[in-house]
Protein backbone atom coordinates (compact mmCIF):
# COMPACT_ATOMS: atom_id res chain seq x y z
CA UNK A 1 -11.61 123.45 52.71
CA UNK A 2 -9.80 123.22 49.33
CA UNK A 3 -7.44 126.06 48.51
CA UNK A 4 -7.87 127.34 44.96
CA UNK A 5 -4.48 128.30 43.56
CA UNK A 6 -3.46 128.88 39.95
CA UNK A 7 -1.36 126.30 38.11
CA UNK A 8 1.45 128.83 37.82
CA UNK A 9 1.58 129.39 41.58
CA UNK A 10 1.47 125.66 42.23
CA UNK A 11 4.43 125.19 39.88
CA UNK A 12 6.45 127.86 41.68
CA UNK A 13 5.72 126.48 45.13
CA UNK A 14 6.47 122.91 44.06
CA UNK A 15 9.74 123.98 42.43
CA UNK A 16 10.82 125.73 45.63
CA UNK A 17 10.08 122.59 47.67
CA UNK A 18 11.88 120.36 45.17
CA UNK A 19 14.95 122.61 45.06
CA UNK A 20 15.07 122.54 48.86
CA UNK A 21 14.85 118.74 48.79
CA UNK A 22 17.94 118.68 46.56
CA UNK A 23 19.83 120.74 49.14
CA UNK A 24 19.80 123.98 47.16
CA UNK A 25 19.56 127.43 48.69
CA UNK A 26 16.65 128.80 46.68
CA UNK A 27 17.14 132.23 45.10
CA UNK A 28 15.40 133.77 42.10
CA UNK A 29 18.19 132.73 39.70
CA UNK A 30 18.04 129.07 40.75
CA UNK A 31 14.26 129.14 40.57
CA UNK A 32 14.41 130.48 37.01
CA UNK A 33 16.65 127.53 36.14
CA UNK A 34 14.35 125.00 37.82
CA UNK A 35 11.26 126.37 36.08
CA UNK A 36 12.90 127.17 32.75
CA UNK A 37 11.55 130.74 32.70
CA UNK A 38 13.12 134.18 32.44
CA UNK A 39 14.38 136.12 35.50
CA UNK A 40 11.75 138.90 35.00
CA UNK A 41 9.00 136.25 34.99
CA UNK A 42 10.36 134.80 38.24
CA UNK A 43 10.48 138.27 39.84
CA UNK A 44 6.82 138.84 38.94
CA UNK A 45 5.80 135.39 40.12
CA UNK A 46 7.59 135.75 43.43
CA UNK A 47 5.99 139.14 44.00
CA UNK A 48 2.54 137.55 43.69
CA UNK A 49 3.44 134.64 45.98
CA UNK A 50 4.80 136.99 48.62
CA UNK A 51 1.70 139.17 48.36
CA UNK A 52 -0.47 136.09 48.96
CA UNK A 53 1.55 134.98 51.97
CA UNK A 54 2.94 131.83 50.36
CA UNK A 55 6.66 132.65 50.52
CA UNK A 56 9.06 134.82 52.46
CA UNK A 57 12.41 136.21 51.37
CA UNK A 58 15.50 137.10 53.39
CA UNK A 59 17.74 140.13 52.99
CA UNK A 60 20.15 137.90 51.07
CA UNK A 61 17.39 136.97 48.60
CA UNK A 62 16.83 133.44 49.93
CA UNK A 63 13.32 132.17 49.27
CA UNK A 64 11.42 129.97 51.71
CA UNK A 65 7.88 128.64 51.87
CA UNK A 66 5.48 129.86 54.53
CA UNK A 67 3.20 127.39 56.27
CA UNK A 68 0.49 128.11 53.68
CA UNK A 69 2.94 127.78 50.79
CA UNK A 70 4.31 124.53 52.20
CA UNK A 71 0.82 123.08 52.51
CA UNK A 72 0.08 123.77 48.84
CA UNK A 73 3.48 122.52 47.66
CA UNK A 74 3.09 119.29 49.65
CA UNK A 75 -0.37 118.74 48.18
CA UNK A 76 0.94 119.05 44.61
CA UNK A 77 3.97 116.86 45.36
CA UNK A 78 1.75 114.19 46.90
CA UNK A 79 -0.50 114.13 43.83
CA UNK A 80 2.50 114.07 41.52
CA UNK A 81 3.88 111.11 43.47
CA UNK A 82 0.57 109.22 43.34
CA UNK A 83 0.16 109.81 39.60
CA UNK A 84 3.67 108.53 38.93
CA UNK A 85 2.89 105.38 40.86
CA UNK A 86 -0.48 104.96 39.14
CA UNK A 87 1.10 105.24 35.69
CA UNK A 88 3.89 102.77 36.53
CA UNK A 89 2.12 100.27 38.75
CA UNK A 90 -1.34 100.25 37.19
CA UNK A 91 -0.59 101.08 33.56
CA UNK A 92 2.95 99.76 33.17
CA UNK A 93 4.43 103.00 31.85
CA UNK A 94 8.21 103.12 31.69
CA UNK A 95 9.74 104.59 34.86
CA UNK A 96 11.62 107.30 32.97
CA UNK A 97 8.43 108.60 31.35
CA UNK A 98 6.11 108.97 34.31
CA UNK A 99 7.54 112.24 35.65
CA UNK A 100 6.67 114.21 32.53
CA UNK A 101 3.16 112.73 32.44
CA UNK A 102 2.61 113.49 36.12
CA UNK A 103 3.70 117.10 35.55
CA UNK A 104 0.78 117.44 33.12
CA UNK A 105 -1.80 115.68 35.27
CA UNK A 106 -0.98 116.75 38.83
CA UNK A 107 -2.98 120.00 38.70
CA UNK A 108 -6.17 118.27 37.55
CA UNK A 109 -6.45 115.72 40.37
CA UNK A 110 -9.47 116.20 42.62
CA UNK A 111 -9.52 115.40 46.32
CA UNK A 112 -11.84 112.46 45.64
CA UNK A 113 -9.50 111.01 43.03
CA UNK A 114 -6.50 111.54 45.28
CA UNK A 115 -8.28 109.68 48.09
CA UNK A 116 -9.09 106.83 45.71
CA UNK A 117 -5.47 106.58 44.58
CA UNK A 118 -4.32 106.39 48.20
CA UNK A 119 -6.93 103.72 48.89
CA UNK A 120 -5.71 101.62 45.95
CA UNK A 121 -1.96 102.29 46.08
CA UNK A 122 -1.32 103.29 49.69
CA UNK A 123 0.88 106.26 50.51
CA UNK A 124 4.03 104.69 51.97
CA UNK A 125 5.77 103.33 48.87
CA UNK A 126 8.41 105.31 46.96
CA UNK A 127 7.69 106.51 43.44
CA UNK A 128 9.31 104.77 40.43
CA UNK A 129 12.36 107.03 40.86
CA UNK A 130 12.77 105.97 44.49
CA UNK A 131 11.54 109.24 46.02
CA UNK A 132 9.38 109.28 49.13
CA UNK A 133 6.11 111.18 49.22
CA UNK A 134 7.25 113.37 52.09
CA UNK A 135 10.00 115.96 51.97
CA UNK A 136 13.34 114.15 51.84
CA UNK A 137 16.49 116.28 52.00
CA UNK A 138 20.07 115.14 51.30
CA UNK A 139 20.76 115.21 55.04
CA UNK A 140 17.73 112.94 55.62
CA UNK A 141 19.06 110.49 53.05
CA UNK A 142 22.55 110.48 54.51
CA UNK A 143 21.11 109.78 57.98
CA UNK A 144 19.61 106.62 56.47
CA UNK A 145 23.04 105.63 55.16
CA UNK A 146 22.47 106.66 51.56
CA UNK A 147 25.26 108.19 49.46
CA UNK A 148 25.47 109.73 46.03
CA UNK A 149 27.40 107.57 43.59
CA UNK A 150 30.06 110.27 43.29
CA UNK A 151 30.54 110.25 47.08
CA UNK A 152 31.24 106.53 47.50
CA UNK A 153 34.85 105.92 48.50
CA UNK A 154 35.04 102.19 49.25
CA UNK A 155 34.46 99.38 46.71
CA UNK A 156 31.34 97.33 47.38
CA UNK A 157 27.88 96.34 46.24
CA UNK A 158 25.10 98.90 46.53
CA UNK A 159 21.45 99.18 45.59
CA UNK A 160 20.22 102.18 43.65
CA UNK A 161 17.83 103.90 46.05
CA UNK A 162 16.68 106.92 44.06
CA UNK A 163 17.44 108.92 40.93
CA UNK A 164 16.93 112.62 40.19
CA UNK A 165 13.72 112.64 38.20
CA UNK A 166 13.50 116.09 36.60
CA UNK A 167 15.93 115.30 33.76
CA UNK A 168 14.32 113.03 31.15
CA UNK A 169 17.55 112.64 29.17
CA UNK A 170 19.37 111.52 32.30
CA UNK A 171 16.65 108.99 33.13
CA UNK A 172 16.72 107.48 29.63
CA UNK A 173 20.53 107.39 29.70
CA UNK A 174 20.56 105.59 33.05
CA UNK A 175 17.84 103.18 31.94
CA UNK A 176 19.96 102.14 28.95
CA UNK A 177 22.73 101.33 31.43
CA UNK A 178 20.25 99.41 33.66
CA UNK A 179 20.87 101.92 36.47
CA UNK A 180 17.41 102.27 37.96
CA UNK A 181 15.88 102.10 41.48
CA UNK A 182 16.27 98.65 42.98
CA UNK A 183 19.20 97.69 40.74
CA UNK A 184 22.33 96.24 42.34
CA UNK A 185 25.55 97.92 41.25
CA UNK A 186 29.13 97.14 42.15
CA UNK A 187 31.16 100.29 42.80
CA UNK A 188 34.76 99.62 41.78
CA UNK A 189 36.70 102.86 41.82
CA UNK A 190 36.79 106.57 41.11
CA UNK A 191 38.93 106.96 38.04
CA UNK A 192 41.55 109.53 37.16
CA UNK A 193 39.39 110.84 34.28
CA UNK A 194 36.74 111.94 36.80
CA UNK A 195 34.42 109.01 36.18
CA UNK A 196 33.14 106.21 38.42
CA UNK A 197 33.85 102.66 37.39
CA UNK A 198 30.87 100.35 37.98
CA UNK A 199 29.69 96.84 37.27
CA UNK A 200 25.99 96.48 36.47
CA UNK A 201 24.40 93.19 35.44
CA UNK A 202 27.89 91.71 34.88
CA UNK A 203 28.82 94.57 32.55
CA UNK A 204 31.59 97.05 33.28
CA UNK A 205 30.89 100.70 32.59
CA UNK A 206 31.99 104.19 33.50
CA UNK A 207 29.67 106.93 34.67
CA UNK A 208 30.57 110.61 34.62
CA UNK A 209 30.39 112.59 37.82
CA UNK A 210 27.50 114.75 36.65
CA UNK A 211 25.30 111.67 36.28
CA UNK A 212 26.77 109.94 39.34
CA UNK A 213 25.86 112.97 41.47
CA UNK A 214 22.19 112.40 40.57
CA UNK A 215 22.06 108.78 41.75
CA UNK A 216 21.62 107.81 45.42
CA UNK A 217 22.67 104.35 46.56
CA UNK A 218 22.44 102.39 49.79
CA UNK A 219 24.74 99.55 50.97
CA UNK A 220 23.22 96.12 50.62
CA UNK A 221 23.80 95.56 54.35
CA UNK A 222 20.96 98.02 55.06
CA UNK A 223 18.24 95.40 54.90
CA UNK A 224 15.22 97.61 55.54
CA UNK A 225 16.23 100.14 52.85
CA UNK A 226 17.28 97.22 50.64
CA UNK A 227 13.74 95.86 50.77
CA UNK A 228 12.21 99.26 50.10
CA UNK A 229 14.55 99.87 47.19
CA UNK A 230 13.70 96.47 45.75
CA UNK A 231 9.99 97.21 46.09
CA UNK A 232 10.44 100.53 44.30
CA UNK A 233 12.11 98.63 41.47
CA UNK A 234 8.95 96.63 40.73
CA UNK A 235 7.26 99.42 38.79
CA UNK A 236 10.50 100.53 37.15
CA UNK A 237 11.41 97.07 35.94
CA UNK A 238 7.87 96.33 34.76
CA UNK A 239 7.94 99.52 32.75
CA UNK A 240 11.25 98.56 31.16
CA UNK A 241 9.86 95.14 30.28
CA UNK A 242 6.80 96.81 28.78
CA UNK A 243 9.07 98.85 26.51
CA UNK A 244 10.97 95.77 25.43
CA UNK A 245 7.69 94.00 24.67
């Protein structure tokens, strides 16, 4: 039976799940930052979610999803993921644009349309930013051997596995540097000026730690993740080619 929930509540629940996936302890202040709304608006929104049994809060103010809240958040995240893939893989939209479009469309997807998207696209592939459809925490990624670019300590060749997708300016910046999911990068050193020295497509560049912290990479020796990362690059690279065309 479908659960009818307002767009506002879906946005709150999805933001909580996304913040958790980035390893954040979710409190009202961090939620206000994620949603771009005022603290009083967050307080009112959380009050409604708690009343409806979608969240719980601790004495310290930590916010967590209940089973019902998690179910709704996962539904929205799954539809967001499928829309991103549809836009990139079926319509050739640039990888750094699909997040914003999916944000607009995710609330309007019906169960029938969702089922059709899964039938056409499948539900096991990462999105154009390299994210999996299921919840994927930093600890999950590290268990697979992934590292953030600012955490790498030994020179070597890596494949970009995923990129933080909620910052459009960051995505466009990285795309101009050819740092996108599936791209091979050579990590050279962490520099004294708090940057990372890289080689991408035979070009040397430096990336600040703020941006490097938003990029997950996997060693090229991890063949299974290598293949998945390369597959996730198909839509990203096709979108970049479409822009160039």
